[in-house]
């Protein structure tokens, strides 16, 4: 580890501790050249896969794109932020659990649709209409019929 003060390569670990949250190791280091001390943190890094778009292009997984998808679909819908965060966590855990280096964007889109369908009917239809590229009114009708429950209006449901 290079010293942030003098850029020397000769540093030593003086003390190591597990962080309060238990997700990282805090290390106090001392530079052997300038004798200044500094702190570093060591965290595990889980690499998300590359996303393969329908065009064949590969792009890095982007957490903010996932959030934007949910926010657009849920715009002005009565869904608590905690539901969205929990859904995003479930999706990212599933993605990591697949253990793939590359993942078709279609799989992520389908995961988002499943989560939205559990959360809010209107948000699901919004997302599906763009994602599935609805071209006719029948496409909307079919999607609505897939979520419509007898005697019920479209509404937000609580997620467990």
N, C-alpha and C. Protein backbone atom coordinates (compact mmCIF):
# COMPACT_ATOMS: atom_id res chain seq x y z
N UNK A 1 0.86 -1.18 0.00
CA UNK A 1 0.00 0.00 0.00
C UNK A 1 0.90 1.23 0.00
N UNK A 2 0.65 2.14 -0.94
CA UNK A 2 1.45 3.37 -1.01
C UNK A 2 0.99 4.36 0.04
N UNK A 3 1.93 5.08 0.57
CA UNK A 3 1.63 6.14 1.53
C UNK A 3 0.94 7.29 0.79
N UNK A 4 -0.20 7.77 1.29
CA UNK A 4 -0.89 8.86 0.61
C UNK A 4 -0.17 10.21 0.76
N UNK A 5 0.81 10.27 1.67
CA UNK A 5 1.52 11.52 1.91
C UNK A 5 2.78 11.65 1.06
N UNK A 6 3.64 10.62 1.12
CA UNK A 6 4.91 10.71 0.41
C UNK A 6 5.02 9.74 -0.77
N UNK A 7 3.98 8.94 -0.96
CA UNK A 7 3.90 7.96 -2.07
C UNK A 7 4.91 6.81 -1.97
N UNK A 8 5.51 6.63 -0.82
CA UNK A 8 6.45 5.53 -0.63
C UNK A 8 5.70 4.20 -0.58
N UNK A 9 6.36 3.14 -1.04
CA UNK A 9 5.76 1.80 -1.05
C UNK A 9 5.94 1.06 0.27
N UNK A 10 6.81 1.56 1.11
CA UNK A 10 7.17 0.87 2.34
C UNK A 10 6.28 1.30 3.50
N UNK A 11 5.14 0.58 3.69
CA UNK A 11 4.23 0.86 4.79
C UNK A 11 3.99 -0.42 5.58
N UNK A 12 3.57 -0.26 6.82
CA UNK A 12 3.33 -1.42 7.68
C UNK A 12 1.98 -1.27 8.37
N UNK A 13 1.32 -2.41 8.61
CA UNK A 13 0.06 -2.42 9.33
C UNK A 13 0.36 -2.36 10.82
N UNK A 14 -0.22 -1.35 11.50
CA UNK A 14 -0.01 -1.16 12.93
C UNK A 14 -1.13 -1.82 13.73
N UNK A 15 -2.37 -1.76 13.18
CA UNK A 15 -3.53 -2.29 13.89
C UNK A 15 -4.59 -2.68 12.88
N UNK A 16 -5.31 -3.77 13.13
CA UNK A 16 -6.43 -4.21 12.28
C UNK A 16 -7.64 -4.48 13.15
N UNK A 17 -8.80 -4.01 12.67
CA UNK A 17 -10.05 -4.24 13.40
C UNK A 17 -11.18 -4.47 12.41
N UNK A 18 -12.14 -5.27 12.83
CA UNK A 18 -13.35 -5.45 12.05
C UNK A 18 -14.19 -4.20 12.23
N UNK A 19 -14.76 -3.67 11.15
CA UNK A 19 -15.57 -2.46 11.25
C UNK A 19 -16.84 -2.74 12.05
N UNK A 20 -17.54 -1.68 12.44
CA UNK A 20 -18.75 -1.81 13.25
C UNK A 20 -19.81 -2.65 12.55
N UNK A 21 -19.96 -2.47 11.25
CA UNK A 21 -20.98 -3.22 10.52
C UNK A 21 -20.53 -4.63 10.15
N UNK A 22 -19.26 -4.95 10.36
CA UNK A 22 -18.75 -6.28 10.10
C UNK A 22 -18.49 -6.57 8.63
N UNK A 23 -18.65 -5.56 7.77
CA UNK A 23 -18.48 -5.76 6.33
C UNK A 23 -17.10 -5.40 5.81
N UNK A 24 -16.26 -4.87 6.69
CA UNK A 24 -14.92 -4.48 6.23
C UNK A 24 -13.92 -4.58 7.38
N UNK A 25 -12.65 -4.54 7.01
CA UNK A 25 -11.57 -4.55 7.99
C UNK A 25 -10.90 -3.18 7.93
N UNK A 26 -10.77 -2.56 9.09
CA UNK A 26 -10.12 -1.25 9.21
C UNK A 26 -8.68 -1.50 9.59
N UNK A 27 -7.75 -0.92 8.83
CA UNK A 27 -6.33 -1.11 9.13
C UNK A 27 -5.65 0.24 9.32
N UNK A 28 -4.94 0.38 10.42
CA UNK A 28 -4.09 1.56 10.65
C UNK A 28 -2.72 1.19 10.10
N UNK A 29 -2.19 2.05 9.30
CA UNK A 29 -0.88 1.81 8.68
C UNK A 29 0.05 2.96 9.01
N UNK A 30 1.35 2.63 8.93
CA UNK A 30 2.36 3.66 9.16
C UNK A 30 3.39 3.56 8.04
N UNK A 31 3.74 4.74 7.52
CA UNK A 31 4.75 4.80 6.46
C UNK A 31 6.13 4.70 7.11
N UNK A 32 6.97 3.83 6.57
CA UNK A 32 8.33 3.65 7.11
C UNK A 32 9.24 4.80 6.71
N UNK A 33 8.86 5.55 5.69
CA UNK A 33 9.71 6.66 5.20
C UNK A 33 9.38 7.96 5.94
N UNK A 34 8.11 8.40 5.88
CA UNK A 34 7.76 9.69 6.50
C UNK A 34 7.17 9.54 7.90
N UNK A 35 6.90 8.30 8.32
CA UNK A 35 6.37 7.95 9.64
C UNK A 35 4.97 8.48 9.93
N UNK A 36 4.24 8.87 8.89
CA UNK A 36 2.85 9.31 9.08
C UNK A 36 1.95 8.09 9.07
N UNK A 37 0.82 8.22 9.78
CA UNK A 37 -0.14 7.12 9.86
C UNK A 37 -1.39 7.45 9.03
N UNK A 38 -2.01 6.39 8.52
CA UNK A 38 -3.25 6.56 7.75
C UNK A 38 -4.08 5.29 7.89
N UNK A 39 -5.34 5.40 7.54
CA UNK A 39 -6.28 4.28 7.67
C UNK A 39 -6.71 3.79 6.30
N UNK A 40 -6.80 2.47 6.17
CA UNK A 40 -7.35 1.87 4.96
C UNK A 40 -8.48 0.94 5.37
N UNK A 41 -9.38 0.66 4.42
CA UNK A 41 -10.48 -0.26 4.65
C UNK A 41 -10.43 -1.34 3.59
N UNK A 42 -10.61 -2.56 4.03
CA UNK A 42 -10.61 -3.70 3.11
C UNK A 42 -12.02 -4.26 3.08
N UNK A 43 -12.61 -4.32 1.88
CA UNK A 43 -13.96 -4.83 1.70
C UNK A 43 -13.96 -5.90 0.62
N UNK A 44 -14.87 -6.85 0.75
CA UNK A 44 -15.00 -7.83 -0.32
C UNK A 44 -15.75 -7.17 -1.48
N UNK A 45 -15.40 -7.58 -2.66
CA UNK A 45 -16.03 -7.00 -3.83
C UNK A 45 -16.68 -8.11 -4.64
N UNK A 46 -17.99 -8.01 -4.78
CA UNK A 46 -18.71 -8.97 -5.59
C UNK A 46 -18.95 -8.33 -6.94
N UNK A 47 -18.42 -8.95 -7.96
CA UNK A 47 -18.54 -8.38 -9.29
C UNK A 47 -19.86 -8.75 -9.95
N UNK A 48 -20.62 -7.74 -10.31
CA UNK A 48 -21.84 -7.97 -11.06
C UNK A 48 -21.46 -8.34 -12.49
N UNK A 49 -22.28 -9.13 -13.14
CA UNK A 49 -21.95 -9.54 -14.51
C UNK A 49 -22.11 -8.41 -15.51
N UNK A 50 -21.55 -8.60 -16.68
CA UNK A 50 -21.78 -7.69 -17.79
C UNK A 50 -23.19 -7.99 -18.29
N UNK A 51 -23.87 -6.95 -18.75
CA UNK A 51 -25.22 -7.11 -19.27
C UNK A 51 -25.14 -7.12 -20.79
N UNK A 52 -25.72 -8.15 -21.39
CA UNK A 52 -25.71 -8.27 -22.85
C UNK A 52 -27.05 -7.75 -23.36
N UNK A 53 -27.00 -6.63 -24.07
CA UNK A 53 -28.20 -6.01 -24.62
C UNK A 53 -28.69 -6.82 -25.81
N UNK A 54 -29.92 -6.57 -26.23
CA UNK A 54 -30.49 -7.31 -27.36
C UNK A 54 -29.70 -7.06 -28.65
N UNK A 55 -29.01 -5.93 -28.73
CA UNK A 55 -28.19 -5.62 -29.90
C UNK A 55 -26.87 -6.40 -29.90
N UNK A 56 -26.57 -7.05 -28.76
CA UNK A 56 -25.32 -7.78 -28.64
C UNK A 56 -24.24 -6.99 -27.92
N UNK A 57 -24.48 -5.70 -27.69
CA UNK A 57 -23.50 -4.88 -26.96
C UNK A 57 -23.45 -5.33 -25.50
N UNK A 58 -22.27 -5.24 -24.93
CA UNK A 58 -22.09 -5.58 -23.53
C UNK A 58 -21.80 -4.31 -22.75
N UNK A 59 -22.53 -4.14 -21.66
CA UNK A 59 -22.36 -2.96 -20.81
C UNK A 59 -22.24 -3.43 -19.36
N UNK A 60 -21.53 -2.67 -18.53
CA UNK A 60 -21.45 -3.04 -17.11
C UNK A 60 -22.84 -2.93 -16.46
N UNK A 61 -23.11 -3.81 -15.50
CA UNK A 61 -24.35 -3.72 -14.74
C UNK A 61 -24.38 -2.36 -14.06
N UNK A 62 -25.56 -1.72 -14.07
CA UNK A 62 -25.69 -0.38 -13.49
C UNK A 62 -26.86 -0.36 -12.50
N UNK A 63 -26.53 -0.26 -11.22
CA UNK A 63 -27.53 -0.21 -10.14
C UNK A 63 -28.51 0.95 -10.37
N UNK A 64 -28.01 2.09 -10.83
CA UNK A 64 -28.87 3.26 -11.01
C UNK A 64 -29.86 3.07 -12.16
N UNK A 65 -29.49 2.30 -13.18
CA UNK A 65 -30.45 2.01 -14.26
C UNK A 65 -31.62 1.20 -13.71
N UNK A 66 -31.32 0.27 -12.82
CA UNK A 66 -32.37 -0.53 -12.20
C UNK A 66 -33.30 0.38 -11.39
N UNK A 67 -32.71 1.28 -10.60
CA UNK A 67 -33.50 2.21 -9.80
C UNK A 67 -34.38 3.09 -10.70
N UNK A 68 -33.81 3.58 -11.79
CA UNK A 68 -34.55 4.43 -12.72
C UNK A 68 -35.74 3.68 -13.31
N UNK A 69 -35.55 2.41 -13.64
CA UNK A 69 -36.65 1.61 -14.18
C UNK A 69 -37.80 1.53 -13.19
N UNK A 70 -37.48 1.26 -11.94
CA UNK A 70 -38.52 1.20 -10.92
C UNK A 70 -39.18 2.57 -10.74
N UNK A 71 -38.36 3.62 -10.66
CA UNK A 71 -38.92 4.96 -10.43
C UNK A 71 -39.85 5.40 -11.56
N UNK A 72 -39.49 5.10 -12.80
CA UNK A 72 -40.36 5.48 -13.92
C UNK A 72 -41.68 4.72 -13.87
N UNK A 73 -41.61 3.43 -13.62
CA UNK A 73 -42.82 2.63 -13.58
C UNK A 73 -43.71 3.02 -12.41
N UNK A 74 -43.10 3.40 -11.30
CA UNK A 74 -43.85 3.70 -10.07
C UNK A 74 -44.14 5.19 -9.89
N UNK A 75 -43.86 5.99 -10.90
CA UNK A 75 -44.08 7.44 -10.80
C UNK A 75 -45.52 7.74 -10.37
N UNK A 76 -45.65 8.48 -9.28
CA UNK A 76 -46.94 8.88 -8.71
C UNK A 76 -47.80 7.69 -8.29
N UNK A 77 -47.17 6.59 -7.95
CA UNK A 77 -47.89 5.43 -7.43
C UNK A 77 -47.62 5.33 -5.93
N UNK A 78 -48.59 4.85 -5.15
CA UNK A 78 -48.44 4.81 -3.69
C UNK A 78 -47.65 3.59 -3.21
N UNK A 79 -46.39 3.50 -3.62
CA UNK A 79 -45.55 2.38 -3.21
C UNK A 79 -44.40 2.91 -2.36
N UNK A 80 -44.26 2.43 -1.14
CA UNK A 80 -43.18 2.91 -0.26
C UNK A 80 -41.79 2.60 -0.83
N UNK A 81 -40.87 3.50 -0.57
CA UNK A 81 -39.49 3.34 -1.02
C UNK A 81 -38.89 2.04 -0.52
N UNK A 82 -39.28 1.61 0.69
CA UNK A 82 -38.73 0.36 1.24
C UNK A 82 -39.05 -0.83 0.35
N UNK A 83 -40.22 -0.82 -0.28
CA UNK A 83 -40.60 -1.92 -1.18
C UNK A 83 -39.67 -1.95 -2.40
N UNK A 84 -39.38 -0.76 -2.91
CA UNK A 84 -38.51 -0.67 -4.08
C UNK A 84 -37.10 -1.15 -3.72
N UNK A 85 -36.60 -0.67 -2.58
CA UNK A 85 -35.26 -1.08 -2.15
C UNK A 85 -35.19 -2.60 -1.95
N UNK A 86 -36.21 -3.15 -1.33
CA UNK A 86 -36.24 -4.60 -1.10
C UNK A 86 -36.28 -5.37 -2.42
N UNK A 87 -37.07 -4.87 -3.37
CA UNK A 87 -37.16 -5.52 -4.68
C UNK A 87 -35.82 -5.46 -5.41
N UNK A 88 -35.16 -4.31 -5.35
CA UNK A 88 -33.85 -4.16 -5.99
C UNK A 88 -32.83 -5.10 -5.36
N UNK A 89 -32.87 -5.23 -4.05
CA UNK A 89 -31.96 -6.14 -3.35
C UNK A 89 -32.21 -7.57 -3.78
N UNK A 90 -33.49 -7.97 -3.87
CA UNK A 90 -33.80 -9.33 -4.30
C UNK A 90 -33.29 -9.60 -5.71
N UNK A 91 -33.48 -8.63 -6.60
CA UNK A 91 -33.02 -8.80 -7.98
C UNK A 91 -31.50 -8.93 -8.01
N UNK A 92 -30.80 -8.05 -7.31
CA UNK A 92 -29.33 -8.11 -7.33
C UNK A 92 -28.81 -9.39 -6.68
N UNK A 93 -29.47 -9.87 -5.66
CA UNK A 93 -29.07 -11.15 -5.05
C UNK A 93 -29.28 -12.30 -6.02
N UNK A 94 -30.41 -12.27 -6.76
CA UNK A 94 -30.65 -13.30 -7.77
C UNK A 94 -29.59 -13.26 -8.87
N UNK A 95 -29.25 -12.05 -9.30
CA UNK A 95 -28.23 -11.90 -10.35
C UNK A 95 -26.90 -12.48 -9.87
N UNK A 96 -26.49 -12.11 -8.66
CA UNK A 96 -25.24 -12.65 -8.12
C UNK A 96 -25.33 -14.16 -7.94
N UNK A 97 -26.49 -14.63 -7.53
CA UNK A 97 -26.68 -16.06 -7.30
C UNK A 97 -26.57 -16.89 -8.57
N UNK A 98 -26.82 -16.27 -9.71
CA UNK A 98 -26.68 -16.99 -10.98
C UNK A 98 -25.22 -17.32 -11.26
N UNK A 99 -24.31 -16.50 -10.74
CA UNK A 99 -22.88 -16.76 -10.89
C UNK A 99 -22.37 -16.64 -12.32
N UNK A 100 -23.08 -15.90 -13.14
CA UNK A 100 -22.68 -15.73 -14.53
C UNK A 100 -21.81 -14.50 -14.71
N UNK A 101 -20.91 -14.56 -15.68
CA UNK A 101 -20.08 -13.41 -16.00
C UNK A 101 -20.81 -12.44 -16.92
N UNK A 102 -21.75 -12.98 -17.70
CA UNK A 102 -22.57 -12.18 -18.60
C UNK A 102 -24.02 -12.60 -18.43
N UNK A 103 -24.93 -11.64 -18.56
CA UNK A 103 -26.35 -11.92 -18.36
C UNK A 103 -27.15 -11.13 -19.39
N UNK A 104 -28.04 -11.80 -20.11
CA UNK A 104 -28.87 -11.06 -21.08
C UNK A 104 -29.76 -10.05 -20.35
N UNK A 105 -29.91 -8.87 -20.91
CA UNK A 105 -30.73 -7.82 -20.29
C UNK A 105 -32.18 -8.29 -20.14
N UNK A 106 -32.60 -9.18 -20.99
CA UNK A 106 -33.97 -9.70 -20.94
C UNK A 106 -34.26 -10.36 -19.58
N UNK A 107 -33.30 -11.07 -19.04
CA UNK A 107 -33.49 -11.73 -17.74
C UNK A 107 -33.71 -10.70 -16.64
N UNK A 108 -32.93 -9.63 -16.67
CA UNK A 108 -33.10 -8.57 -15.66
C UNK A 108 -34.46 -7.91 -15.83
N UNK A 109 -34.86 -7.63 -17.06
CA UNK A 109 -36.17 -7.03 -17.32
C UNK A 109 -37.30 -7.90 -16.81
N UNK A 110 -37.18 -9.20 -16.99
CA UNK A 110 -38.22 -10.12 -16.50
C UNK A 110 -38.26 -10.14 -14.98
N UNK A 111 -37.10 -10.03 -14.34
CA UNK A 111 -37.07 -9.95 -12.87
C UNK A 111 -37.78 -8.69 -12.40
N UNK A 112 -37.54 -7.57 -13.09
CA UNK A 112 -38.20 -6.31 -12.72
C UNK A 112 -39.70 -6.45 -12.89
N UNK A 113 -40.14 -7.04 -14.00
CA UNK A 113 -41.59 -7.21 -14.22
C UNK A 113 -42.23 -8.06 -13.13
N UNK A 114 -41.55 -9.13 -12.72
CA UNK A 114 -42.10 -9.98 -11.64
C UNK A 114 -42.25 -9.18 -10.35
N UNK A 115 -41.24 -8.39 -10.03
CA UNK A 115 -41.31 -7.60 -8.79
C UNK A 115 -42.41 -6.54 -8.88
N UNK A 116 -42.52 -5.87 -10.02
CA UNK A 116 -43.56 -4.85 -10.19
C UNK A 116 -44.95 -5.46 -10.15
N UNK A 117 -45.10 -6.64 -10.70
CA UNK A 117 -46.40 -7.31 -10.71
C UNK A 117 -46.86 -7.59 -9.28
N UNK A 118 -45.91 -7.91 -8.39
CA UNK A 118 -46.24 -8.15 -6.99
C UNK A 118 -46.56 -6.85 -6.26
N UNK A 119 -45.97 -5.75 -6.71
CA UNK A 119 -46.08 -4.47 -6.02
C UNK A 119 -47.29 -3.64 -6.40
N UNK A 120 -47.46 -3.44 -7.72
CA UNK A 120 -48.46 -2.47 -8.17
C UNK A 120 -48.86 -2.80 -9.61
N UNK A 121 -50.16 -3.01 -9.83
CA UNK A 121 -50.65 -3.38 -11.16
C UNK A 121 -50.36 -2.33 -12.22
N UNK A 122 -50.60 -1.07 -11.88
CA UNK A 122 -50.40 0.00 -12.86
C UNK A 122 -48.92 0.12 -13.23
N UNK A 123 -48.05 0.05 -12.25
CA UNK A 123 -46.61 0.13 -12.52
C UNK A 123 -46.17 -1.03 -13.39
N UNK A 124 -46.72 -2.20 -13.13
CA UNK A 124 -46.39 -3.37 -13.95
C UNK A 124 -46.78 -3.13 -15.41
N UNK A 125 -48.00 -2.64 -15.64
CA UNK A 125 -48.47 -2.39 -17.01
C UNK A 125 -47.60 -1.33 -17.67
N UNK A 126 -47.26 -0.27 -16.94
CA UNK A 126 -46.37 0.77 -17.49
C UNK A 126 -45.06 0.17 -17.97
N UNK A 127 -44.42 -0.59 -17.09
CA UNK A 127 -43.12 -1.17 -17.42
C UNK A 127 -43.25 -2.16 -18.57
N UNK A 128 -44.25 -3.03 -18.49
CA UNK A 128 -44.43 -4.05 -19.52
C UNK A 128 -44.70 -3.41 -20.89
N UNK A 129 -45.46 -2.31 -20.92
CA UNK A 129 -45.78 -1.68 -22.20
C UNK A 129 -44.54 -1.17 -22.91
N UNK A 130 -43.58 -0.68 -22.16
CA UNK A 130 -42.33 -0.21 -22.76
C UNK A 130 -41.40 -1.39 -23.01
N UNK A 131 -41.26 -2.23 -22.00
CA UNK A 131 -40.32 -3.35 -22.09
C UNK A 131 -40.70 -4.33 -23.18
N UNK A 132 -42.00 -4.65 -23.27
CA UNK A 132 -42.48 -5.61 -24.27
C UNK A 132 -42.81 -4.92 -25.59
N UNK A 133 -42.66 -3.58 -25.63
CA UNK A 133 -42.87 -2.79 -26.86
C UNK A 133 -44.28 -3.00 -27.41
N UNK A 134 -45.28 -2.71 -26.55
CA UNK A 134 -46.66 -2.85 -26.98
C UNK A 134 -46.90 -1.98 -28.21
N UNK A 135 -47.55 -2.55 -29.22
CA UNK A 135 -47.83 -1.83 -30.47
C UNK A 135 -49.33 -1.64 -30.71
N UNK A 136 -50.16 -2.47 -30.04
CA UNK A 136 -51.60 -2.43 -30.27
C UNK A 136 -52.33 -2.36 -28.94
N UNK A 137 -53.56 -1.92 -28.99
CA UNK A 137 -54.40 -1.87 -27.80
C UNK A 137 -54.57 -3.27 -27.22
N UNK A 138 -54.63 -4.28 -28.08
CA UNK A 138 -54.78 -5.66 -27.62
C UNK A 138 -53.62 -6.08 -26.70
N UNK A 139 -52.43 -5.54 -26.96
CA UNK A 139 -51.28 -5.85 -26.10
C UNK A 139 -51.53 -5.36 -24.68
N UNK A 140 -52.10 -4.16 -24.56
CA UNK A 140 -52.43 -3.62 -23.24
C UNK A 140 -53.54 -4.46 -22.59
N UNK A 141 -54.56 -4.78 -23.37
CA UNK A 141 -55.68 -5.57 -22.84
C UNK A 141 -55.18 -6.90 -22.29
N UNK A 142 -54.32 -7.57 -23.05
CA UNK A 142 -53.81 -8.86 -22.60
C UNK A 142 -53.00 -8.72 -21.31
N UNK A 143 -52.20 -7.67 -21.22
CA UNK A 143 -51.41 -7.45 -20.01
C UNK A 143 -52.32 -7.13 -18.82
N UNK A 144 -53.33 -6.33 -19.06
CA UNK A 144 -54.26 -5.99 -17.97
C UNK A 144 -55.00 -7.24 -17.50
N UNK A 145 -55.44 -8.06 -18.43
CA UNK A 145 -56.14 -9.29 -18.05
C UNK A 145 -55.23 -10.24 -17.28
N UNK A 146 -53.91 -10.16 -17.51
CA UNK A 146 -52.99 -11.04 -16.79
C UNK A 146 -52.85 -10.66 -15.32
N UNK A 147 -53.20 -9.41 -14.97
CA UNK A 147 -53.09 -8.98 -13.57
C UNK A 147 -54.45 -8.74 -12.93
N UNK A 148 -55.49 -8.64 -13.73
CA UNK A 148 -56.81 -8.33 -13.19
C UNK A 148 -57.35 -9.50 -12.38
N UNK A 149 -57.82 -9.17 -11.21
CA UNK A 149 -58.44 -10.16 -10.34
C UNK A 149 -59.94 -9.93 -10.36
N UNK A 150 -60.73 -10.97 -10.40
CA UNK A 150 -62.19 -10.80 -10.46
C UNK A 150 -62.70 -9.91 -9.33
N UNK A 151 -63.52 -8.91 -9.70
CA UNK A 151 -64.14 -8.03 -8.71
C UNK A 151 -63.20 -7.05 -8.05
N UNK A 152 -61.98 -6.91 -8.51
CA UNK A 152 -61.01 -6.02 -7.87
C UNK A 152 -60.55 -4.97 -8.86
N UNK A 153 -60.25 -3.79 -8.37
CA UNK A 153 -59.62 -2.74 -9.17
C UNK A 153 -58.12 -2.91 -9.08
N UNK A 154 -57.39 -2.31 -10.01
CA UNK A 154 -55.94 -2.30 -9.93
C UNK A 154 -55.55 -1.55 -8.67
N UNK A 155 -54.66 -2.09 -7.89
CA UNK A 155 -54.25 -1.44 -6.65
C UNK A 155 -52.83 -1.86 -6.27
N UNK A 156 -52.34 -1.18 -5.27
CA UNK A 156 -51.02 -1.50 -4.75
C UNK A 156 -51.19 -2.58 -3.70
N UNK A 157 -50.31 -3.56 -3.73
CA UNK A 157 -50.35 -4.65 -2.75
C UNK A 157 -49.14 -4.58 -1.85
N UNK A 158 -49.31 -5.02 -0.61
CA UNK A 158 -48.16 -5.05 0.28
C UNK A 158 -47.31 -6.28 -0.05
N UNK A 159 -46.01 -6.13 0.08
CA UNK A 159 -45.05 -7.18 -0.26
C UNK A 159 -44.50 -7.78 1.01
N UNK A 160 -44.46 -9.07 1.07
CA UNK A 160 -43.85 -9.76 2.23
C UNK A 160 -42.63 -10.48 1.78
